[in-house]
PDB file of all heavy atoms in Angstrom:
ATOM      1  N   GLU A   1      -4.576  32.435   2.447  1.00  0.00           N
ATOM      2  CA  GLU A   1      -4.939  33.833   2.681  1.00  0.00           C
ATOM      3  C   GLU A   1      -6.446  34.034   2.710  1.00  0.00           C
ATOM      4  O   GLU A   1      -6.945  34.953   3.362  1.00  0.00           O
ATOM      5  CB  GLU A   1      -4.339  34.727   1.582  1.00  0.00           C
ATOM      6  CG  GLU A   1      -2.851  34.998   1.738  1.00  0.00           C
ATOM      7  CD  GLU A   1      -2.330  35.888   0.625  1.00  0.00           C
ATOM      8  OE1 GLU A   1      -3.141  36.280  -0.267  1.00  0.00           O
ATOM      9  OE2 GLU A   1      -1.124  36.174   0.620  1.00  0.00           O
ATOM     10  N   GLN A   2      -7.183  33.172   2.010  1.00  0.00           N
ATOM     11  CA  GLN A   2      -8.621  33.399   1.836  1.00  0.00           C
ATOM     12  C   GLN A   2      -9.512  32.402   2.561  1.00  0.00           C
ATOM     13  O   GLN A   2     -10.744  32.542   2.511  1.00  0.00           O
ATOM     14  CB  GLN A   2      -8.963  33.401   0.342  1.00  0.00           C
ATOM     15  CG  GLN A   2      -8.277  34.542  -0.417  1.00  0.00           C
ATOM     16  CD  GLN A   2      -8.762  34.620  -1.856  1.00  0.00           C
ATOM     17  OE1 GLN A   2      -9.936  34.863  -2.121  1.00  0.00           O
ATOM     18  NE2 GLN A   2      -7.845  34.407  -2.782  1.00  0.00           N
ATOM     19  N   VAL A   3      -8.942  31.389   3.201  1.00  0.00           N
ATOM     20  CA  VAL A   3      -9.759  30.484   4.006  1.00  0.00           C
ATOM     21  C   VAL A   3      -9.633  30.894   5.463  1.00  0.00           C
ATOM     22  O   VAL A   3      -8.616  31.456   5.883  1.00  0.00           O
ATOM     23  CB  VAL A   3      -9.344  29.006   3.814  1.00  0.00           C
ATOM     24  CG1 VAL A   3      -9.532  28.590   2.364  1.00  0.00           C
ATOM     25  CG2 VAL A   3      -7.911  28.762   4.259  1.00  0.00           C
ATOM     26  N   ARG A   4     -10.660  30.597   6.220  1.00  0.00           N
ATOM     27  CA  ARG A   4     -10.664  31.100   7.590  1.00  0.00           C
ATOM     28  C   ARG A   4      -9.999  30.135   8.573  1.00  0.00           C
ATOM     29  O   ARG A   4      -9.648  30.521   9.683  1.00  0.00           O
ATOM     30  CB  ARG A   4     -12.096  31.400   8.020  1.00  0.00           C
ATOM     31  CG  ARG A   4     -12.979  30.190   8.210  1.00  0.00           C
ATOM     32  CD  ARG A   4     -14.407  30.589   8.520  1.00  0.00           C
ATOM     33  NE  ARG A   4     -15.228  29.460   8.895  1.00  0.00           N
ATOM     34  CZ  ARG A   4     -16.543  29.474   8.917  1.00  0.00           C
ATOM     35  NH1 ARG A   4     -17.187  30.588   8.566  1.00  0.00           N
ATOM     36  NH2 ARG A   4     -17.237  28.410   9.277  1.00  0.00           N
ATOM     37  N   GLY A   5      -9.846  28.853   8.188  1.00  0.00           N
ATOM     38  CA  GLY A   5      -9.222  27.890   9.075  1.00  0.00           C
ATOM     39  C   GLY A   5     -10.167  27.443  10.175  1.00  0.00           C
ATOM     40  O   GLY A   5     -11.216  28.073  10.393  1.00  0.00           O
ATOM     41  N   PRO A   6      -9.839  26.353  10.853  1.00  0.00           N
ATOM     42  CA  PRO A   6      -8.629  25.558  10.623  1.00  0.00           C
ATOM     43  C   PRO A   6      -8.739  24.714   9.359  1.00  0.00           C
ATOM     44  O   PRO A   6      -9.840  24.425   8.892  1.00  0.00           O
ATOM     45  CB  PRO A   6      -8.564  24.674  11.868  1.00  0.00           C
ATOM     46  CG  PRO A   6     -10.005  24.469  12.251  1.00  0.00           C
ATOM     47  CD  PRO A   6     -10.673  25.798  11.944  1.00  0.00           C
ATOM     48  N   VAL A   7      -7.578  24.322   8.830  1.00  0.00           N
ATOM     49  CA  VAL A   7      -7.526  23.392   7.708  1.00  0.00           C
ATOM     50  C   VAL A   7      -6.407  22.384   7.952  1.00  0.00           C
ATOM     51  O   VAL A   7      -5.498  22.624   8.752  1.00  0.00           O
ATOM     52  CB  VAL A   7      -7.268  24.105   6.358  1.00  0.00           C
ATOM     53  CG1 VAL A   7      -8.350  25.123   6.049  1.00  0.00           C
ATOM     54  CG2 VAL A   7      -5.889  24.767   6.345  1.00  0.00           C
ATOM     55  N   PHE A   8      -6.515  21.261   7.276  1.00  0.00           N
ATOM     56  CA  PHE A   8      -5.434  20.289   7.214  1.00  0.00           C
ATOM     57  C   PHE A   8      -4.934  20.229   5.771  1.00  0.00           C
ATOM     58  O   PHE A   8      -5.665  20.562   4.832  1.00  0.00           O
ATOM     59  CB  PHE A   8      -5.910  18.887   7.621  1.00  0.00           C
ATOM     60  CG  PHE A   8      -6.459  18.803   9.023  1.00  0.00           C
ATOM     61  CD1 PHE A   8      -7.714  18.233   9.256  1.00  0.00           C
ATOM     62  CD2 PHE A   8      -5.754  19.278  10.100  1.00  0.00           C
ATOM     63  CE1 PHE A   8      -8.234  18.137  10.528  1.00  0.00           C
ATOM     64  CE2 PHE A   8      -6.260  19.197  11.400  1.00  0.00           C
ATOM     65  CZ  PHE A   8      -7.499  18.624  11.609  1.00  0.00           C
ATOM     66  N   LEU A   9      -3.706  19.795   5.590  1.00  0.00           N
ATOM     67  CA  LEU A   9      -3.194  19.501   4.262  1.00  0.00           C
ATOM     68  C   LEU A   9      -3.215  17.995   4.050  1.00  0.00           C
ATOM     69  O   LEU A   9      -3.257  17.230   5.013  1.00  0.00           O
ATOM     70  CB  LEU A   9      -1.753  20.012   4.103  1.00  0.00           C
ATOM     71  CG  LEU A   9      -1.487  21.490   4.376  1.00  0.00           C
ATOM     72  CD1 LEU A   9      -0.036  21.826   4.019  1.00  0.00           C
ATOM     73  CD2 LEU A   9      -2.442  22.383   3.632  1.00  0.00           C
ATOM     74  N   HIS A  10      -3.171  17.585   2.804  1.00  0.00           N
ATOM     75  CA  HIS A  10      -3.074  16.166   2.494  1.00  0.00           C
ATOM     76  C   HIS A  10      -1.935  15.943   1.508  1.00  0.00           C
ATOM     77  O   HIS A  10      -1.873  16.600   0.470  1.00  0.00           O
ATOM     78  CB  HIS A  10      -4.386  15.648   1.904  1.00  0.00           C
ATOM     79  CG  HIS A  10      -4.415  14.148   1.770  1.00  0.00           C
ATOM     80  ND1 HIS A  10      -5.336  13.478   1.011  1.00  0.00           N
ATOM     81  CD2 HIS A  10      -3.610  13.192   2.290  1.00  0.00           C
ATOM     82  CE1 HIS A  10      -5.119  12.179   1.076  1.00  0.00           C
ATOM     83  NE2 HIS A  10      -4.071  11.986   1.838  1.00  0.00           N
ATOM     84  N   TRP A  11      -1.045  15.028   1.868  1.00  0.00           N
ATOM     85  CA  TRP A  11       0.083  14.659   1.020  1.00  0.00           C
ATOM     86  C   TRP A  11      -0.119  13.205   0.614  1.00  0.00           C
ATOM     87  O   TRP A  11       0.067  12.296   1.405  1.00  0.00           O
ATOM     88  CB  TRP A  11       1.389  14.850   1.764  1.00  0.00           C
ATOM     89  CG  TRP A  11       2.625  14.723   0.906  1.00  0.00           C
ATOM     90  CD1 TRP A  11       2.698  14.298  -0.386  1.00  0.00           C
ATOM     91  CD2 TRP A  11       3.964  15.048   1.290  1.00  0.00           C
ATOM     92  NE1 TRP A  11       3.986  14.324  -0.831  1.00  0.00           N
ATOM     93  CE2 TRP A  11       4.789  14.787   0.173  1.00  0.00           C
ATOM     94  CE3 TRP A  11       4.529  15.522   2.474  1.00  0.00           C
ATOM     95  CZ2 TRP A  11       6.173  14.974   0.221  1.00  0.00           C
ATOM     96  CZ3 TRP A  11       5.903  15.721   2.516  1.00  0.00           C
ATOM     97  CH2 TRP A  11       6.707  15.452   1.394  1.00  0.00           C
ATOM     98  N   LEU A  12      -0.543  13.004  -0.614  1.00  0.00           N
ATOM     99  CA  LEU A  12      -0.842  11.672  -1.142  1.00  0.00           C
ATOM    100  C   LEU A  12       0.304  11.234  -2.048  1.00  0.00           C
ATOM    101  O   LEU A  12       0.763  12.000  -2.894  1.00  0.00           O
ATOM    102  CB  LEU A  12      -2.153  11.708  -1.926  1.00  0.00           C
ATOM    103  CG  LEU A  12      -2.740  10.369  -2.399  1.00  0.00           C
ATOM    104  CD1 LEU A  12      -3.272   9.581  -1.222  1.00  0.00           C
ATOM    105  CD2 LEU A  12      -3.851  10.615  -3.415  1.00  0.00           C
ATOM    106  N   GLY A  13       0.755  10.005  -1.860  1.00  0.00           N
ATOM    107  CA  GLY A  13       1.887   9.516  -2.631  1.00  0.00           C
ATOM    108  C   GLY A  13       1.513   9.008  -4.010  1.00  0.00           C
ATOM    109  O   GLY A  13       0.348   8.708  -4.290  1.00  0.00           O
ATOM    110  N   PRO A  14       2.498   8.876  -4.903  1.00  0.00           N
ATOM    111  CA  PRO A  14       2.243   8.447  -6.280  1.00  0.00           C
ATOM    112  C   PRO A  14       1.786   6.994  -6.393  1.00  0.00           C
ATOM    113  O   PRO A  14       1.272   6.603  -7.441  1.00  0.00           O
ATOM    114  CB  PRO A  14       3.590   8.661  -6.977  1.00  0.00           C
ATOM    115  CG  PRO A  14       4.603   8.633  -5.873  1.00  0.00           C
ATOM    116  CD  PRO A  14       3.916   9.239  -4.692  1.00  0.00           C
ATOM    117  N   MET A  15       1.931   6.205  -5.324  1.00  0.00           N
ATOM    118  CA  MET A  15       1.411   4.838  -5.378  1.00  0.00           C
ATOM    119  C   MET A  15      -0.114   4.828  -5.412  1.00  0.00           C
ATOM    120  O   MET A  15      -0.726   3.862  -5.839  1.00  0.00           O
ATOM    121  CB  MET A  15       1.938   3.993  -4.218  1.00  0.00           C
ATOM    122  CG  MET A  15       1.465   4.414  -2.840  1.00  0.00           C
ATOM    123  SD  MET A  15       2.200   5.993  -2.319  1.00  0.00           S
ATOM    124  CE  MET A  15       3.936   5.552  -2.305  1.00  0.00           C
ATOM    125  N   PHE A  16      -0.733   5.912  -4.964  1.00  0.00           N
ATOM    126  CA  PHE A  16      -2.183   6.047  -5.055  1.00  0.00           C
ATOM    127  C   PHE A  16      -2.595   6.746  -6.351  1.00  0.00           C
ATOM    128  O   PHE A  16      -3.641   6.457  -6.910  1.00  0.00           O
ATOM    129  CB  PHE A  16      -2.717   6.855  -3.868  1.00  0.00           C
ATOM    130  CG  PHE A  16      -2.609   6.153  -2.551  1.00  0.00           C
ATOM    131  CD1 PHE A  16      -1.685   6.564  -1.606  1.00  0.00           C
ATOM    132  CD2 PHE A  16      -3.426   5.084  -2.254  1.00  0.00           C
ATOM    133  CE1 PHE A  16      -1.583   5.923  -0.380  1.00  0.00           C
ATOM    134  CE2 PHE A  16      -3.338   4.423  -1.039  1.00  0.00           C
ATOM    135  CZ  PHE A  16      -2.410   4.851  -0.094  1.00  0.00           C
ATOM    136  N   LEU A  17      -1.780   7.708  -6.791  1.00  0.00           N
ATOM    137  CA  LEU A  17      -2.083   8.471  -8.000  1.00  0.00           C
ATOM    138  C   LEU A  17      -0.750   8.846  -8.642  1.00  0.00           C
ATOM    139  O   LEU A  17      -0.017   9.693  -8.127  1.00  0.00           O
ATOM    140  CB  LEU A  17      -2.891   9.721  -7.645  1.00  0.00           C
ATOM    141  CG  LEU A  17      -3.519  10.501  -8.800  1.00  0.00           C
ATOM    142  CD1 LEU A  17      -4.545   9.633  -9.544  1.00  0.00           C
ATOM    143  CD2 LEU A  17      -4.186  11.770  -8.283  1.00  0.00           C
ATOM    144  N   ALA A  18      -0.447   8.198  -9.772  1.00  0.00           N
ATOM    145  CA  ALA A  18       0.879   8.341 -10.389  1.00  0.00           C
ATOM    146  C   ALA A  18       1.233   9.781 -10.728  1.00  0.00           C
ATOM    147  O   ALA A  18       2.410  10.169 -10.691  1.00  0.00           O
ATOM    148  CB  ALA A  18       0.958   7.476 -11.640  1.00  0.00           C
ATOM    149  N   SER A  19       0.230  10.596 -11.029  1.00  0.00           N
ATOM    150  CA  SER A  19       0.501  11.977 -11.422  1.00  0.00           C
ATOM    151  C   SER A  19       0.990  12.843 -10.267  1.00  0.00           C
ATOM    152  O   SER A  19       1.339  14.010 -10.467  1.00  0.00           O
ATOM    153  CB  SER A  19      -0.750  12.606 -12.041  1.00  0.00           C
ATOM    154  OG  SER A  19      -1.831  12.590 -11.132  1.00  0.00           O
ATOM    155  N   LEU A  20       1.028  12.285  -9.051  1.00  0.00           N
ATOM    156  CA  LEU A  20       1.520  13.038  -7.899  1.00  0.00           C
ATOM    157  C   LEU A  20       3.003  12.786  -7.623  1.00  0.00           C
ATOM    158  O   LEU A  20       3.517  13.185  -6.575  1.00  0.00           O
ATOM    159  CB  LEU A  20       0.696  12.697  -6.652  1.00  0.00           C
ATOM    160  CG  LEU A  20      -0.766  13.164  -6.676  1.00  0.00           C
ATOM    161  CD1 LEU A  20      -1.499  12.674  -5.440  1.00  0.00           C
ATOM    162  CD2 LEU A  20      -0.859  14.682  -6.787  1.00  0.00           C
ATOM    163  N   GLU A  21       3.706  12.164  -8.549  1.00  0.00           N
ATOM    164  CA  GLU A  21       5.142  11.960  -8.397  1.00  0.00           C
ATOM    165  C   GLU A  21       5.831  13.325  -8.269  1.00  0.00           C
ATOM    166  O   GLU A  21       5.637  14.217  -9.074  1.00  0.00           O
ATOM    167  CB  GLU A  21       5.704  11.227  -9.622  1.00  0.00           C
ATOM    168  CG  GLU A  21       7.174  10.883  -9.512  1.00  0.00           C
ATOM    169  CD  GLU A  21       7.451   9.829  -8.461  1.00  0.00           C
ATOM    170  OE1 GLU A  21       6.729   8.803  -8.452  1.00  0.00           O
ATOM    171  OE2 GLU A  21       8.373  10.037  -7.650  1.00  0.00           O
ATOM    172  N   GLY A  22       6.628  13.473  -7.199  1.00  0.00           N
ATOM    173  CA  GLY A  22       7.341  14.724  -6.988  1.00  0.00           C
ATOM    174  C   GLY A  22       6.535  15.817  -6.312  1.00  0.00           C
ATOM    175  O   GLY A  22       6.957  16.979  -6.303  1.00  0.00           O
ATOM    176  N   TYR A  23       5.381  15.454  -5.735  1.00  0.00           N
ATOM    177  CA  TYR A  23       4.563  16.465  -5.061  1.00  0.00           C
ATOM    178  C   TYR A  23       5.323  17.060  -3.881  1.00  0.00           C
ATOM    179  O   TYR A  23       6.121  16.392  -3.237  1.00  0.00           O
ATOM    180  CB  TYR A  23       3.244  15.857  -4.589  1.00  0.00           C
ATOM    181  CG  TYR A  23       2.135  16.871  -4.452  1.00  0.00           C
ATOM    182  CD1 TYR A  23       1.434  17.311  -5.569  1.00  0.00           C
ATOM    183  CD2 TYR A  23       1.803  17.413  -3.227  1.00  0.00           C
ATOM    184  CE1 TYR A  23       0.423  18.256  -5.463  1.00  0.00           C
ATOM    185  CE2 TYR A  23       0.794  18.352  -3.098  1.00  0.00           C
ATOM    186  CZ  TYR A  23       0.112  18.776  -4.227  1.00  0.00           C
ATOM    187  OH  TYR A  23      -0.881  19.720  -4.122  1.00  0.00           O
ATOM    188  N   PHE A  24       5.063  18.320  -3.577  1.00  0.00           N
ATOM    189  CA  PHE A  24       5.775  19.093  -2.561  1.00  0.00           C
ATOM    190  C   PHE A  24       7.296  19.045  -2.797  1.00  0.00           C
ATOM    191  O   PHE A  24       8.053  18.496  -1.997  1.00  0.00           O
ATOM    192  CB  PHE A  24       5.440  18.609  -1.150  1.00  0.00           C
ATOM    193  CG  PHE A  24       4.077  19.006  -0.659  1.00  0.00           C
ATOM    194  CD1 PHE A  24       3.231  18.056  -0.104  1.00  0.00           C
ATOM    195  CD2 PHE A  24       3.634  20.317  -0.747  1.00  0.00           C
ATOM    196  CE1 PHE A  24       1.966  18.418   0.357  1.00  0.00           C
ATOM    197  CE2 PHE A  24       2.375  20.688  -0.291  1.00  0.00           C
ATOM    198  CZ  PHE A  24       1.543  19.736   0.264  1.00  0.00           C
ATOM    199  N   PRO A  25       7.770  19.607  -3.900  1.00  0.00           N
ATOM    200  CA  PRO A  25       9.195  19.572  -4.211  1.00  0.00           C
ATOM    201  C   PRO A  25      10.021  20.402  -3.227  1.00  0.00           C
ATOM    202  O   PRO A  25       9.525  21.356  -2.622  1.00  0.00           O
ATOM    203  CB  PRO A  25       9.255  20.188  -5.617  1.00  0.00           C
ATOM    204  CG  PRO A  25       8.062  21.084  -5.681  1.00  0.00           C
ATOM    205  CD  PRO A  25       6.991  20.368  -4.898  1.00  0.00           C
ATOM    206  N   GLY A  26      11.289  20.016  -3.079  1.00  0.00           N
ATOM    207  CA  GLY A  26      12.203  20.755  -2.219  1.00  0.00           C
ATOM    208  C   GLY A  26      11.684  20.851  -0.795  1.00  0.00           C
ATOM    209  O   GLY A  26      11.259  19.867  -0.203  1.00  0.00           O
ATOM    210  N   ARG A  27      11.696  22.055  -0.250  1.00  0.00           N
ATOM    211  CA  ARG A  27      11.226  22.300   1.122  1.00  0.00           C
ATOM    212  C   ARG A  27       9.814  22.892   1.124  1.00  0.00           C
ATOM    213  O   ARG A  27       9.392  23.493   2.119  1.00  0.00           O
ATOM    214  CB  ARG A  27      12.185  23.242   1.849  1.00  0.00           C
ATOM    215  CG  ARG A  27      13.576  22.694   2.095  1.00  0.00           C
ATOM    216  CD  ARG A  27      14.405  23.634   2.983  1.00  0.00           C
ATOM    217  NE  ARG A  27      13.752  23.860   4.261  1.00  0.00           N
ATOM    218  CZ  ARG A  27      13.118  24.995   4.605  1.00  0.00           C
ATOM    219  NH1 ARG A  27      13.014  25.997   3.719  1.00  0.00           N
ATOM    220  NH2 ARG A  27      12.572  25.135   5.803  1.00  0.00           N
ATOM    221  N   SER A  28       9.103  22.719   0.032  1.00  0.00           N
ATOM    222  CA  SER A  28       7.795  23.366  -0.070  1.00  0.00           C
ATOM    223  C   SER A  28       6.840  22.925   1.033  1.00  0.00           C
ATOM    224  O   SER A  28       6.080  23.748   1.570  1.00  0.00           O
ATOM    225  CB  SER A  28       7.172  23.117  -1.450  1.00  0.00           C
ATOM    226  OG  SER A  28       7.040  21.734  -1.715  1.00  0.00           O
TER     227      SER A  28
END
């Protein structure tokens, strides 16, 4: 809502950072 864009998202897996296990749950 507050950035003007364009932007990209980044989805990093837990093999790179263990604390990201379960990131983007469900259909998020």
